[in-house]
Amino acid sequence: MAPSTSKRASSRKRQADVAPLKPKKKKKKTKKTKRDPTEMDPDDVNEATTSLTTSSISIHGNSTALTMVNEGFSATLPPPKKLKSGYAPPEMYAHLNYLLDAIAPNLICLFVGTNPGIRTAEEGHAYSHPTNHFWRELYKSGCTTRLCQPREDQDLPRLFSLGNTNIVARPTKNQNELSFEEMVEGTATLETKIRLYQPEAVCIVGAGIWRAIWKAITGKKMRGGELVYGWQDERYNLGRFRNDVDALQTLGSNRTSWDGARVFVNGSTSGLAAIPVDIRSDRWQKLGDWVVQRRLERANALSASG
């Protein structure tokens, strides 16, 4: 019995001497992201920047790419996103002619645009760009009895008692190339024209124009809730005068005072303006209904006096 007991004790001792096996931990696999071979590590960029020996700018169209070169290293940074066109000084389009106003005394409505576009300045007629909706809306709303062409702009006063002018005379590619201050300053010239020719109403063709006029006549920038399309309150009539000195500036009128022209604010007719068709047509129709009514009333008055 003794040898058997001794063997069991020896076996237990050997088991105690052997450390228990721990389960192996699974290594977490890290995802390797594919790297663009042209992309640089941040450290590489820092190193390249600090040890930069030469740099060059290469311009491709409207984008600019920066190429950095140093010993054994070169990289081209991606060009910035295309920026919107900004202010253009008058000399940029000095080769283009200004547009002649289509205006006469005692019009039913004088339309006020922003300024001539390139196509309009080249053609010499208002709203000449084929994507502009002005002439179509003029006809659809009843302001004119037929669809007129841009080349007929000077006939508007004689045929329909309507007229055209702009708040800024000089041409540009788009409104972004004008400064807001330039439009504000143009209000004084606009009011002088209105005072001289005394139209019954003025239609502002674009909210940006009305914001500039608002700043000029109130001294404050328009707040969001203050922009209202359609007929404006009479306190915003344009060209108003109250004294004999101003009356001397009028054309063929014996008035010593005038309450000014009523203001109707419309949206831009540019093809770039994102105005839904139904909204644009509805605004123009409200103006057109009034123009048709005033034309009829004038015709009846003329007939009765004859």
C-alpha atoms as a PDB file:
ATOM      1  CA  MET A   1       0.000   0.000   0.000  1.00  0.00           C
ATOM      2  CA  ALA A   2       2.880   2.380   0.766  1.00  0.00           C
ATOM      3  CA  PRO A   3       4.287   2.476  -2.796  1.00  0.00           C
ATOM      4  CA  SER A   4       0.845   3.152  -4.239  1.00  0.00           C
ATOM      5  CA  THR A   5       0.250   6.053  -1.834  1.00  0.00           C
ATOM      6  CA  SER A   6       3.690   7.473  -2.648  1.00  0.00           C
ATOM      7  CA  LYS A   7       2.945   7.406  -6.395  1.00  0.00           C
ATOM      8  CA  ARG A   8      -0.330   9.288  -5.974  1.00  0.00           C
ATOM      9  CA  ALA A   9       1.379  11.963  -3.831  1.00  0.00           C
ATOM     10  CA  SER A  10       4.153  12.396  -6.389  1.00  0.00           C
ATOM     11  CA  SER A  11       1.587  12.755  -9.215  1.00  0.00           C
ATOM     12  CA  ARG A  12      -0.313  15.457  -7.283  1.00  0.00           C
ATOM     13  CA  LYS A  13       2.944  17.348  -6.675  1.00  0.00           C
ATOM     14  CA  ARG A  14       3.821  17.363 -10.398  1.00  0.00           C
ATOM     15  CA  GLN A  15       0.338  18.691 -11.276  1.00  0.00           C
ATOM     16  CA  ALA A  16       0.722  21.487  -8.714  1.00  0.00           C
ATOM     17  CA  ASP A  17       4.117  22.482 -10.156  1.00  0.00           C
ATOM     18  CA  VAL A  18       2.636  22.963 -13.678  1.00  0.00           C
ATOM     19  CA  ALA A  19       0.905  26.410 -14.040  1.00  0.00           C
ATOM     20  CA  PRO A  20      -2.584  26.304 -15.516  1.00  0.00           C
ATOM     21  CA  LEU A  21      -2.792  27.352 -19.166  1.00  0.00           C
ATOM     22  CA  LYS A  22      -4.506  30.751 -19.762  1.00  0.00           C
ATOM     23  CA  PRO A  23      -6.714  31.206 -22.805  1.00  0.00           C
ATOM     24  CA  LYS A  24      -5.016  33.163 -25.582  1.00  0.00           C
ATOM     25  CA  LYS A  25      -6.308  36.680 -26.182  1.00  0.00           C
ATOM     26  CA  LYS A  26      -7.432  37.390 -29.681  1.00  0.00           C
ATOM     27  CA  LYS A  27      -5.570  40.242 -31.291  1.00  0.00           C
ATOM     28  CA  LYS A  28      -7.773  43.008 -32.580  1.00  0.00           C
ATOM     29  CA  LYS A  29      -7.375  43.462 -36.273  1.00  0.00           C
ATOM     30  CA  THR A  30      -6.966  47.093 -37.218  1.00  0.00           C
ATOM     31  CA  LYS A  31      -8.520  48.134 -40.465  1.00  0.00           C
ATOM     32  CA  LYS A  32      -6.002  49.367 -42.935  1.00  0.00           C
ATOM     33  CA  THR A  33      -7.377  52.200 -44.960  1.00  0.00           C
ATOM     34  CA  LYS A  34      -6.273  52.496 -48.506  1.00  0.00           C
ATOM     35  CA  ARG A  35      -4.296  55.613 -48.934  1.00  0.00           C
ATOM     36  CA  ASP A  36      -4.201  57.835 -51.948  1.00  0.00           C
ATOM     37  CA  PRO A  37      -0.622  57.714 -53.247  1.00  0.00           C
ATOM     38  CA  THR A  38      -0.784  61.467 -53.907  1.00  0.00           C
ATOM     39  CA  GLU A  39      -1.924  62.234 -50.369  1.00  0.00           C
ATOM     40  CA  MET A  40       0.619  63.445 -47.783  1.00  0.00           C
ATOM     41  CA  ASP A  41       0.823  62.695 -44.098  1.00  0.00           C
ATOM     42  CA  PRO A  42       0.430  65.735 -41.828  1.00  0.00           C
ATOM     43  CA  ASP A  43       4.049  65.303 -40.773  1.00  0.00           C
ATOM     44  CA  ASP A  44       5.134  65.318 -44.398  1.00  0.00           C
ATOM     45  CA  VAL A  45       3.222  68.511 -44.993  1.00  0.00           C
ATOM     46  CA  ASN A  46       4.775  70.200 -41.968  1.00  0.00           C
ATOM     47  CA  GLU A  47       8.239  69.085 -42.983  1.00  0.00           C
ATOM     48  CA  ALA A  48       7.704  70.203 -46.557  1.00  0.00           C
ATOM     49  CA  THR A  49       6.420  73.566 -45.382  1.00  0.00           C
ATOM     50  CA  THR A  50       9.309  74.242 -43.009  1.00  0.00           C
ATOM     51  CA  SER A  51      11.985  73.160 -45.469  1.00  0.00           C
ATOM     52  CA  LEU A  52      10.317  74.698 -48.507  1.00  0.00           C
ATOM     53  CA  THR A  53      12.870  76.095 -50.892  1.00  0.00           C
ATOM     54  CA  THR A  54      10.757  77.104 -53.882  1.00  0.00           C
ATOM     55  CA  SER A  55       7.064  77.442 -54.634  1.00  0.00           C
ATOM     56  CA  SER A  56       5.109  78.216 -57.748  1.00  0.00           C
ATOM     57  CA  ILE A  57       1.524  79.065 -58.577  1.00  0.00           C
ATOM     58  CA  SER A  58      -0.030  77.609 -61.700  1.00  0.00           C
ATOM     59  CA  ILE A  59      -3.415  78.871 -62.843  1.00  0.00           C
ATOM     60  CA  HIS A  60      -5.801  76.698 -64.849  1.00  0.00           C
ATOM     61  CA  GLY A  61      -8.984  78.499 -65.869  1.00  0.00           C
ATOM     62  CA  ASN A  62     -10.683  79.756 -62.712  1.00  0.00           C
ATOM     63  CA  SER A  63      -8.837  77.414 -60.337  1.00  0.00           C
ATOM     64  CA  THR A  64      -5.425  77.816 -58.771  1.00  0.00           C
ATOM     65  CA  ALA A  65      -3.127  74.930 -57.798  1.00  0.00           C
ATOM     66  CA  LEU A  66      -0.172  75.392 -55.445  1.00  0.00           C
ATOM     67  CA  THR A  67       2.887  73.273 -56.212  1.00  0.00           C
ATOM     68  CA  MET A  68       5.474  72.897 -53.416  1.00  0.00           C
ATOM     69  CA  VAL A  69       8.968  71.649 -54.211  1.00  0.00           C
ATOM     70  CA  ASN A  70      11.931  70.878 -51.939  1.00  0.00           C
ATOM     71  CA  GLU A  71      14.840  68.480 -51.926  1.00  0.00           C
ATOM     72  CA  GLY A  72      13.511  65.093 -52.924  1.00  0.00           C
ATOM     73  CA  PHE A  73       9.906  66.044 -52.333  1.00  0.00           C
ATOM     74  CA  SER A  74       7.151  67.687 -54.381  1.00  0.00           C
ATOM     75  CA  ALA A  75       3.382  67.801 -54.021  1.00  0.00           C
ATOM     76  CA  THR A  76       0.479  69.671 -55.549  1.00  0.00           C
ATOM     77  CA  LEU A  77      -2.287  70.834 -53.232  1.00  0.00           C
ATOM     78  CA  PRO A  78      -5.811  70.608 -54.689  1.00  0.00           C
ATOM     79  CA  PRO A  79      -7.200  73.859 -56.144  1.00  0.00           C
ATOM     80  CA  PRO A  80      -9.787  75.749 -54.065  1.00  0.00           C
ATOM     81  CA  LYS A  81     -13.451  75.574 -54.982  1.00  0.00           C
ATOM     82  CA  LYS A  82     -14.613  77.948 -57.692  1.00  0.00           C
ATOM     83  CA  LEU A  83     -15.695  81.225 -56.134  1.00  0.00           C
ATOM     84  CA  LYS A  84     -18.688  83.298 -57.211  1.00  0.00           C
ATOM     85  CA  SER A  85     -17.850  86.270 -59.334  1.00  0.00           C
ATOM     86  CA  GLY A  86     -17.369  89.408 -57.242  1.00  0.00           C
ATOM     87  CA  TYR A  87     -17.191  93.145 -57.736  1.00  0.00           C
ATOM     88  CA  ALA A  88     -15.965  94.339 -61.123  1.00  0.00           C
ATOM     89  CA  PRO A  89     -14.560  97.882 -61.403  1.00  0.00           C
ATOM     90  CA  PRO A  90     -16.057 100.162 -64.080  1.00  0.00           C
ATOM     91  CA  GLU A  91     -12.951  99.935 -66.278  1.00  0.00           C
ATOM     92  CA  MET A  92     -13.547  96.204 -66.802  1.00  0.00           C
ATOM     93  CA  TYR A  93     -16.501  96.906 -69.094  1.00  0.00           C
ATOM     94  CA  ALA A  94     -15.569 100.415 -70.190  1.00  0.00           C
ATOM     95  CA  HIS A  95     -15.655  99.260 -73.824  1.00  0.00           C
ATOM     96  CA  LEU A  96     -19.422  98.669 -73.606  1.00  0.00           C
ATOM     97  CA  ASN A  97     -21.993 101.408 -74.213  1.00  0.00           C
ATOM     98  CA  TYR A  98     -24.530 102.521 -71.647  1.00  0.00           C
ATOM     99  CA  LEU A  99     -28.202 101.804 -72.317  1.00  0.00           C
ATOM    100  CA  LEU A 100     -30.557 104.575 -73.387  1.00  0.00           C
ATOM    101  CA  ASP A 101     -33.594 105.033 -71.119  1.00  0.00           C
ATOM    102  CA  ALA A 102     -37.029 104.522 -72.660  1.00  0.00           C
ATOM    103  CA  ILE A 103     -38.896 107.263 -70.845  1.00  0.00           C
ATOM    104  CA  ALA A 104     -41.423 110.063 -71.381  1.00  0.00           C
ATOM    105  CA  PRO A 105     -43.616 112.296 -69.209  1.00  0.00           C
ATOM    106  CA  ASN A 106     -46.716 110.955 -67.467  1.00  0.00           C
ATOM    107  CA  LEU A 107     -46.221 107.226 -68.085  1.00  0.00           C
ATOM    108  CA  ILE A 108     -48.563 104.689 -66.520  1.00  0.00           C
ATOM    109  CA  CYS A 109     -45.580 102.676 -65.257  1.00  0.00           C
ATOM    110  CA  LEU A 110     -41.802 103.030 -65.334  1.00  0.00           C
ATOM    111  CA  PHE A 111     -39.872  99.761 -64.938  1.00  0.00           C
ATOM    112  CA  VAL A 112     -36.605  99.927 -62.987  1.00  0.00           C
ATOM    113  CA  GLY A 113     -33.982  97.245 -63.581  1.00  0.00           C
ATOM    114  CA  THR A 114     -30.628  96.751 -61.873  1.00  0.00           C
ATOM    115  CA  ASN A 115     -28.208  97.569 -64.715  1.00  0.00           C
ATOM    116  CA  PRO A 116     -27.562  96.413 -68.287  1.00  0.00           C
ATOM    117  CA  GLY A 117     -26.067  92.956 -68.734  1.00  0.00           C
ATOM    118  CA  ILE A 118     -23.352  92.234 -71.296  1.00  0.00           C
ATOM    119  CA  ARG A 119     -25.798  91.047 -73.983  1.00  0.00           C
ATOM    120  CA  THR A 120     -28.088  94.032 -73.379  1.00  0.00           C
ATOM    121  CA  ALA A 121     -25.181  96.484 -73.604  1.00  0.00           C
ATOM    122  CA  GLU A 122     -23.927  94.877 -76.816  1.00  0.00           C
ATOM    123  CA  GLU A 123     -27.379  94.851 -78.431  1.00  0.00           C
ATOM    124  CA  GLY A 124     -28.299  98.317 -77.124  1.00  0.00           C
ATOM    125  CA  HIS A 125     -31.807  97.225 -76.078  1.00  0.00           C
ATOM    126  CA  ALA A 126     -33.311  96.420 -72.678  1.00  0.00           C
ATOM    127  CA  TYR A 127     -33.549  92.821 -71.451  1.00  0.00           C
ATOM    128  CA  SER A 128     -31.926  91.431 -74.613  1.00  0.00           C
ATOM    129  CA  HIS A 129     -30.762  88.114 -73.198  1.00  0.00           C
ATOM    130  CA  PRO A 130     -33.008  85.324 -74.569  1.00  0.00           C
ATOM    131  CA  THR A 131     -33.380  83.692 -71.139  1.00  0.00           C
ATOM    132  CA  ASN A 132     -34.792  86.874 -69.557  1.00  0.00           C
ATOM    133  CA  HIS A 133     -38.545  86.715 -68.889  1.00  0.00           C
ATOM    134  CA  PHE A 134     -39.238  90.472 -68.968  1.00  0.00           C
ATOM    135  CA  TRP A 135     -40.859  90.792 -72.401  1.00  0.00           C
ATOM    136  CA  ARG A 136     -42.863  87.578 -72.027  1.00  0.00           C
ATOM    137  CA  GLU A 137     -44.227  88.580 -68.614  1.00  0.00           C
ATOM    138  CA  LEU A 138     -45.036  92.058 -69.917  1.00  0.00           C
ATOM    139  CA  TYR A 139     -47.251  90.488 -72.582  1.00  0.00           C
ATOM    140  CA  LYS A 140     -48.758  87.660 -70.479  1.00  0.00           C
ATOM    141  CA  SER A 141     -49.792  90.093 -67.738  1.00  0.00           C
ATOM    142  CA  GLY A 142     -51.525  92.469 -70.191  1.00  0.00           C
ATOM    143  CA  CYS A 143     -49.056  95.330 -69.759  1.00  0.00           C
ATOM    144  CA  THR A 144     -48.549  95.109 -73.537  1.00  0.00           C
ATOM    145  CA  THR A 145     -51.147  93.915 -76.032  1.00  0.00           C
ATOM    146  CA  ARG A 146     -48.620  91.821 -77.965  1.00  0.00           C
ATOM    147  CA  LEU A 147     -45.257  90.180 -77.403  1.00  0.00           C
ATOM    148  CA  CYS A 148     -42.653  92.877 -78.031  1.00  0.00           C
ATOM    149  CA  GLN A 149     -39.022  92.362 -78.967  1.00  0.00           C
ATOM    150  CA  PRO A 150     -36.080  93.985 -77.149  1.00  0.00           C
ATOM    151  CA  ARG A 151     -35.413  96.166 -80.206  1.00  0.00           C
ATOM    152  CA  GLU A 152     -38.822  97.827 -79.578  1.00  0.00           C
ATOM    153  CA  ASP A 153     -37.860  99.101 -76.132  1.00  0.00           C
ATOM    154  CA  GLN A 154     -37.848 102.757 -77.265  1.00  0.00           C
ATOM    155  CA  ASP A 155     -41.413 102.370 -78.554  1.00  0.00           C
ATOM    156  CA  LEU A 156     -42.866 101.420 -75.171  1.00  0.00           C
ATOM    157  CA  PRO A 157     -43.730 104.998 -74.080  1.00  0.00           C
ATOM    158  CA  ARG A 158     -45.535 105.786 -77.341  1.00  0.00           C
ATOM    159  CA  LEU A 159     -47.339 102.461 -77.765  1.00  0.00           C
ATOM    160  CA  PHE A 160     -48.195 101.452 -74.195  1.00  0.00           C
ATOM    161  CA  SER A 161     -47.347 104.389 -71.909  1.00  0.00           C
ATOM    162  CA  LEU A 162     -44.627 102.270 -70.284  1.00  0.00           C
ATOM    163  CA  GLY A 163     -40.923 102.992 -69.799  1.00  0.00           C
ATOM    164  CA  ASN A 164     -37.578 101.483 -68.814  1.00  0.00           C
ATOM    165  CA  THR A 165     -34.586 102.642 -66.780  1.00  0.00           C
ATOM    166  CA  ASN A 166     -31.988 101.191 -64.378  1.00  0.00           C
ATOM    167  CA  ILE A 167     -30.760 102.076 -60.913  1.00  0.00           C
ATOM    168  CA  VAL A 168     -27.128 101.728 -62.108  1.00  0.00           C
ATOM    169  CA  ALA A 169     -26.158 102.820 -65.617  1.00  0.00           C
ATOM    170  CA  ARG A 170     -22.933 100.892 -66.193  1.00  0.00           C
ATOM    171  CA  PRO A 171     -23.079  97.359 -67.614  1.00  0.00           C
ATOM    172  CA  THR A 172     -21.722  94.253 -65.871  1.00  0.00           C
ATOM    173  CA  LYS A 173     -21.968  90.502 -66.325  1.00  0.00           C
ATOM    174  CA  ASN A 174     -24.359  90.181 -63.378  1.00  0.00           C
ATOM    175  CA  GLN A 175     -25.530  91.978 -60.229  1.00  0.00           C
ATOM    176  CA  ASN A 176     -22.717  90.445 -58.151  1.00  0.00           C
ATOM    177  CA  GLU A 177     -20.271  92.668 -60.012  1.00  0.00           C
ATOM    178  CA  LEU A 178     -21.938  95.786 -58.586  1.00  0.00           C
ATOM    179  CA  SER A 179     -21.496  96.968 -55.023  1.00  0.00           C
ATOM    180  CA  PHE A 180     -24.536  97.500 -52.817  1.00  0.00           C
ATOM    181  CA  GLU A 181     -23.331 101.056 -52.115  1.00  0.00           C
ATOM    182  CA  GLU A 182     -23.323 101.728 -55.859  1.00  0.00           C
ATOM    183  CA  MET A 183     -26.995 100.774 -56.035  1.00  0.00           C
ATOM    184  CA  VAL A 184     -27.845 102.878 -52.980  1.00  0.00           C
ATOM    185  CA  GLU A 185     -26.153 105.899 -54.565  1.00  0.00           C
ATOM    186  CA  GLY A 186     -28.111 105.299 -57.788  1.00  0.00           C
ATOM    187  CA  THR A 187     -31.376 105.992 -55.948  1.00  0.00           C
ATOM    188  CA  ALA A 188     -30.806 109.767 -56.036  1.00  0.00           C
ATOM    189  CA  THR A 189     -30.482 109.739 -59.847  1.00  0.00           C
ATOM    190  CA  LEU A 190     -33.523 107.480 -60.125  1.00  0.00           C
ATOM    191  CA  GLU A 191     -35.656 109.803 -58.003  1.00  0.00           C
ATOM    192  CA  THR A 192     -34.562 112.786 -60.097  1.00  0.00           C
ATOM    193  CA  LYS A 193     -35.818 110.984 -63.234  1.00  0.00           C
ATOM    194  CA  ILE A 194     -39.086 110.106 -61.516  1.00  0.00           C
ATOM    195  CA  ARG A 195     -39.533 113.692 -60.348  1.00  0.00           C
ATOM    196  CA  LEU A 196     -38.874 114.966 -63.858  1.00  0.00           C
ATOM    197  CA  TYR A 197     -41.159 112.582 -65.757  1.00  0.00           C
ATOM    198  CA  GLN A 198     -43.734 111.840 -63.018  1.00  0.00           C
ATOM    199  CA  PRO A 199     -44.997 108.335 -63.929  1.00  0.00           C
ATOM    200  CA  GLU A 200     -48.066 107.110 -62.064  1.00  0.00           C
ATOM    201  CA  ALA A 201     -46.221 104.036 -60.811  1.00  0.00           C
ATOM    202  CA  VAL A 202     -42.755 102.535 -60.672  1.00  0.00           C
ATOM    203  CA  CYS A 203     -42.193  98.783 -60.923  1.00  0.00           C
ATOM    204  CA  ILE A 204     -38.979  97.605 -59.252  1.00  0.00           C
ATOM    205  CA  VAL A 205     -37.779  94.555 -61.207  1.00  0.00           C
ATOM    206  CA  GLY A 206     -35.775  92.769 -58.503  1.00  0.00           C
ATOM    207  CA  ALA A 207     -35.774  92.616 -54.693  1.00  0.00           C
ATOM    208  CA  GLY A 208     -32.110  93.662 -54.548  1.00  0.00           C
ATOM    209  CA  ILE A 209     -32.997  96.984 -56.176  1.00  0.00           C
ATOM    210  CA  TRP A 210     -35.711  97.626 -53.612  1.00  0.00           C
ATOM    211  CA  ARG A 211     -33.334  96.839 -50.738  1.00  0.00           C
ATOM    212  CA  ALA A 212     -30.926  99.479 -52.055  1.00  0.00           C
ATOM    213  CA  ILE A 213     -33.700 102.060 -52.489  1.00  0.00           C
ATOM    214  CA  TRP A 214     -34.997 101.245 -49.011  1.00  0.00           C
ATOM    215  CA  LYS A 215     -31.547 101.923 -47.533  1.00  0.00           C
ATOM    216  CA  ALA A 216     -31.360 105.228 -49.425  1.00  0.00           C
ATOM    217  CA  ILE A 217     -34.760 106.537 -48.323  1.00  0.00           C
ATOM    218  CA  THR A 218     -34.856 105.189 -44.746  1.00  0.00           C
ATOM    219  CA  GLY A 219     -31.144 105.227 -43.881  1.00  0.00           C
ATOM    220  CA  LYS A 220     -31.399 101.635 -42.639  1.00  0.00           C
ATOM    221  CA  LYS A 221     -30.817  98.207 -44.146  1.00  0.00           C
ATOM    222  CA  MET A 222     -33.969  96.246 -44.790  1.00  0.00           C
ATOM    223  CA  ARG A 223     -34.690  93.473 -42.314  1.00  0.00           C
ATOM    224  CA  GLY A 224     -35.966  90.084 -43.421  1.00  0.00           C
ATOM    225  CA  GLY A 225     -39.639  90.638 -42.630  1.00  0.00           C
ATOM    226  CA  GLU A 226     -39.730  94.064 -44.267  1.00  0.00           C
ATOM    227  CA  LEU A 227     -39.462  92.794 -47.848  1.00  0.00           C
ATOM    228  CA  VAL A 228     -42.962  92.784 -49.309  1.00  0.00           C
ATOM    229  CA  TYR A 229     -43.732  92.084 -52.961  1.00  0.00           C
ATOM    230  CA  GLY A 230     -46.486  93.958 -54.754  1.00  0.00           C
ATOM    231  CA  TRP A 231     -47.782  97.438 -53.929  1.00  0.00           C
ATOM    232  CA  GLN A 232     -45.940  99.317 -51.198  1.00  0.00           C
ATOM    233  CA  ASP A 233     -47.284 101.710 -48.599  1.00  0.00           C
ATOM    234  CA  GLU A 234     -47.686 105.277 -49.916  1.00  0.00           C
ATOM    235  CA  ARG A 235     -45.016 106.569 -47.542  1.00  0.00           C
ATOM    236  CA  TYR A 236     -42.489 104.836 -49.821  1.00  0.00           C
ATOM    237  CA  ASN A 237     -43.641 106.651 -52.981  1.00  0.00           C
ATOM    238  CA  LEU A 238     -40.690 107.790 -55.092  1.00  0.00           C
ATOM    239  CA  GLY A 239     -40.020 111.292 -56.475  1.00  0.00           C
ATOM    240  CA  ARG A 240     -42.250 113.123 -54.004  1.00  0.00           C
ATOM    241  CA  PHE A 241     -41.694 116.872 -53.675  1.00  0.00           C
ATOM    242  CA  ARG A 242     -43.288 119.641 -51.628  1.00  0.00           C
ATOM    243  CA  ASN A 243     -41.742 122.951 -52.638  1.00  0.00           C
ATOM    244  CA  ASP A 244     -41.425 125.325 -55.589  1.00  0.00           C
ATOM    245  CA  VAL A 245     -37.696 124.699 -56.053  1.00  0.00           C
ATOM    246  CA  ASP A 246     -38.280 121.027 -56.734  1.00  0.00           C
ATOM    247  CA  ALA A 247     -41.251 121.897 -58.953  1.00  0.00           C
ATOM    248  CA  LEU A 248     -38.917 123.814 -61.251  1.00  0.00           C
ATOM    249  CA  GLN A 249     -37.160 120.498 -62.004  1.00  0.00           C
ATOM    250  CA  THR A 250     -40.306 118.912 -63.397  1.00  0.00           C
ATOM    251  CA  LEU A 251     -40.789 118.491 -67.120  1.00  0.00           C
ATOM    252  CA  GLY A 252     -43.809 120.271 -68.613  1.00  0.00           C
ATOM    253  CA  SER A 253     -45.708 120.389 -65.301  1.00  0.00           C
ATOM    254  CA  ASN A 254     -47.179 123.270 -63.329  1.00  0.00           C
ATOM    255  CA  ARG A 255     -47.312 121.275 -60.100  1.00  0.00           C
ATOM    256  CA  THR A 256     -45.793 122.829 -57.006  1.00  0.00           C
ATOM    257  CA  SER A 257     -46.154 119.562 -55.093  1.00  0.00           C
ATOM    258  CA  TRP A 258     -46.492 115.898 -55.957  1.00  0.00           C
ATOM    259  CA  ASP A 259     -47.140 112.801 -53.848  1.00  0.00           C
ATOM    260  CA  GLY A 260     -44.705 110.742 -55.925  1.00  0.00           C
ATOM    261  CA  ALA A 261     -45.051 107.549 -57.941  1.00  0.00           C
ATOM    262  CA  ARG A 262     -46.570 104.459 -56.359  1.00  0.00           C
ATOM    263  CA  VAL A 263     -44.117 101.564 -55.975  1.00  0.00           C
ATOM    264  CA  PHE A 264     -44.741  97.976 -57.041  1.00  0.00           C
ATOM    265  CA  VAL A 265     -41.987  95.505 -56.103  1.00  0.00           C
ATOM    266  CA  ASN A 266     -41.532  92.556 -58.428  1.00  0.00           C
ATOM    267  CA  GLY A 267     -38.978  89.753 -58.616  1.00  0.00           C
ATOM    268  CA  SER A 268     -36.070  89.646 -61.021  1.00  0.00           C
ATOM    269  CA  THR A 269     -36.867  88.455 -64.542  1.00  0.00           C
ATOM    270  CA  SER A 270     -33.363  87.094 -65.070  1.00  0.00           C
ATOM    271  CA  GLY A 271     -33.169  83.489 -66.215  1.00  0.00           C
ATOM    272  CA  LEU A 272     -30.816  82.887 -63.264  1.00  0.00           C
ATOM    273  CA  ALA A 273     -33.455  83.911 -60.703  1.00  0.00           C
ATOM    274  CA  ALA A 274     -34.914  80.842 -58.976  1.00  0.00           C
ATOM    275  CA  ILE A 275     -38.528  82.062 -58.863  1.00  0.00           C
ATOM    276  CA  PRO A 276     -41.282  79.465 -59.439  1.00  0.00           C
ATOM    277  CA  VAL A 277     -43.240  80.183 -62.625  1.00  0.00           C
ATOM    278  CA  ASP A 278     -46.618  80.433 -60.878  1.00  0.00           C
ATOM    279  CA  ILE A 279     -45.339  82.911 -58.284  1.00  0.00           C
ATOM    280  CA  ARG A 280     -43.652  85.093 -60.909  1.00  0.00           C
ATOM    281  CA  SER A 281     -46.762  85.065 -63.127  1.00  0.00           C
ATOM    282  CA  ASP A 282     -49.062  85.865 -60.214  1.00  0.00           C
ATOM    283  CA  ARG A 283     -47.012  88.934 -59.223  1.00  0.00           C
ATOM    284  CA  TRP A 284     -46.911  90.205 -62.790  1.00  0.00           C
ATOM    285  CA  GLN A 285     -50.637  89.627 -63.245  1.00  0.00           C
ATOM    286  CA  LYS A 286     -51.450  91.886 -60.274  1.00  0.00           C
ATOM    287  CA  LEU A 287     -49.455  94.690 -61.866  1.00  0.00           C
ATOM    288  CA  GLY A 288     -50.849  93.929 -65.332  1.00  0.00           C
ATOM    289  CA  ASP A 289     -54.463  94.143 -64.153  1.00  0.00           C
ATOM    290  CA  TRP A 290     -53.807  97.606 -62.744  1.00  0.00           C
ATOM    291  CA  VAL A 291     -51.994  98.779 -65.920  1.00  0.00           C
ATOM    292  CA  VAL A 292     -54.876  97.575 -68.127  1.00  0.00           C
ATOM    293  CA  GLN A 293     -57.396  99.365 -65.910  1.00  0.00           C
ATOM    294  CA  ARG A 294     -55.437 102.643 -65.942  1.00  0.00           C
ATOM    295  CA  ARG A 295     -54.996 102.478 -69.714  1.00  0.00           C
ATOM    296  CA  LEU A 296     -58.750 102.019 -70.143  1.00  0.00           C
ATOM    297  CA  GLU A 297     -59.527 104.876 -67.742  1.00  0.00           C
ATOM    298  CA  ARG A 298     -57.156 107.172 -69.593  1.00  0.00           C
ATOM    299  CA  ALA A 299     -58.701 106.255 -72.947  1.00  0.00           C
ATOM    300  CA  ASN A 300     -62.201 106.929 -71.599  1.00  0.00           C
ATOM    301  CA  ALA A 301     -61.125 110.261 -70.131  1.00  0.00           C
ATOM    302  CA  LEU A 302     -59.543 111.280 -73.442  1.00  0.00           C
ATOM    303  CA  SER A 303     -62.664 110.213 -75.324  1.00  0.00           C
ATOM    304  CA  ALA A 304     -64.946 112.166 -72.976  1.00  0.00           C
ATOM    305  CA  SER A 305     -62.843 115.316 -73.250  1.00  0.00           C
ATOM    306  CA  GLY A 306     -62.827 115.108 -77.068  1.00  0.00           C
END
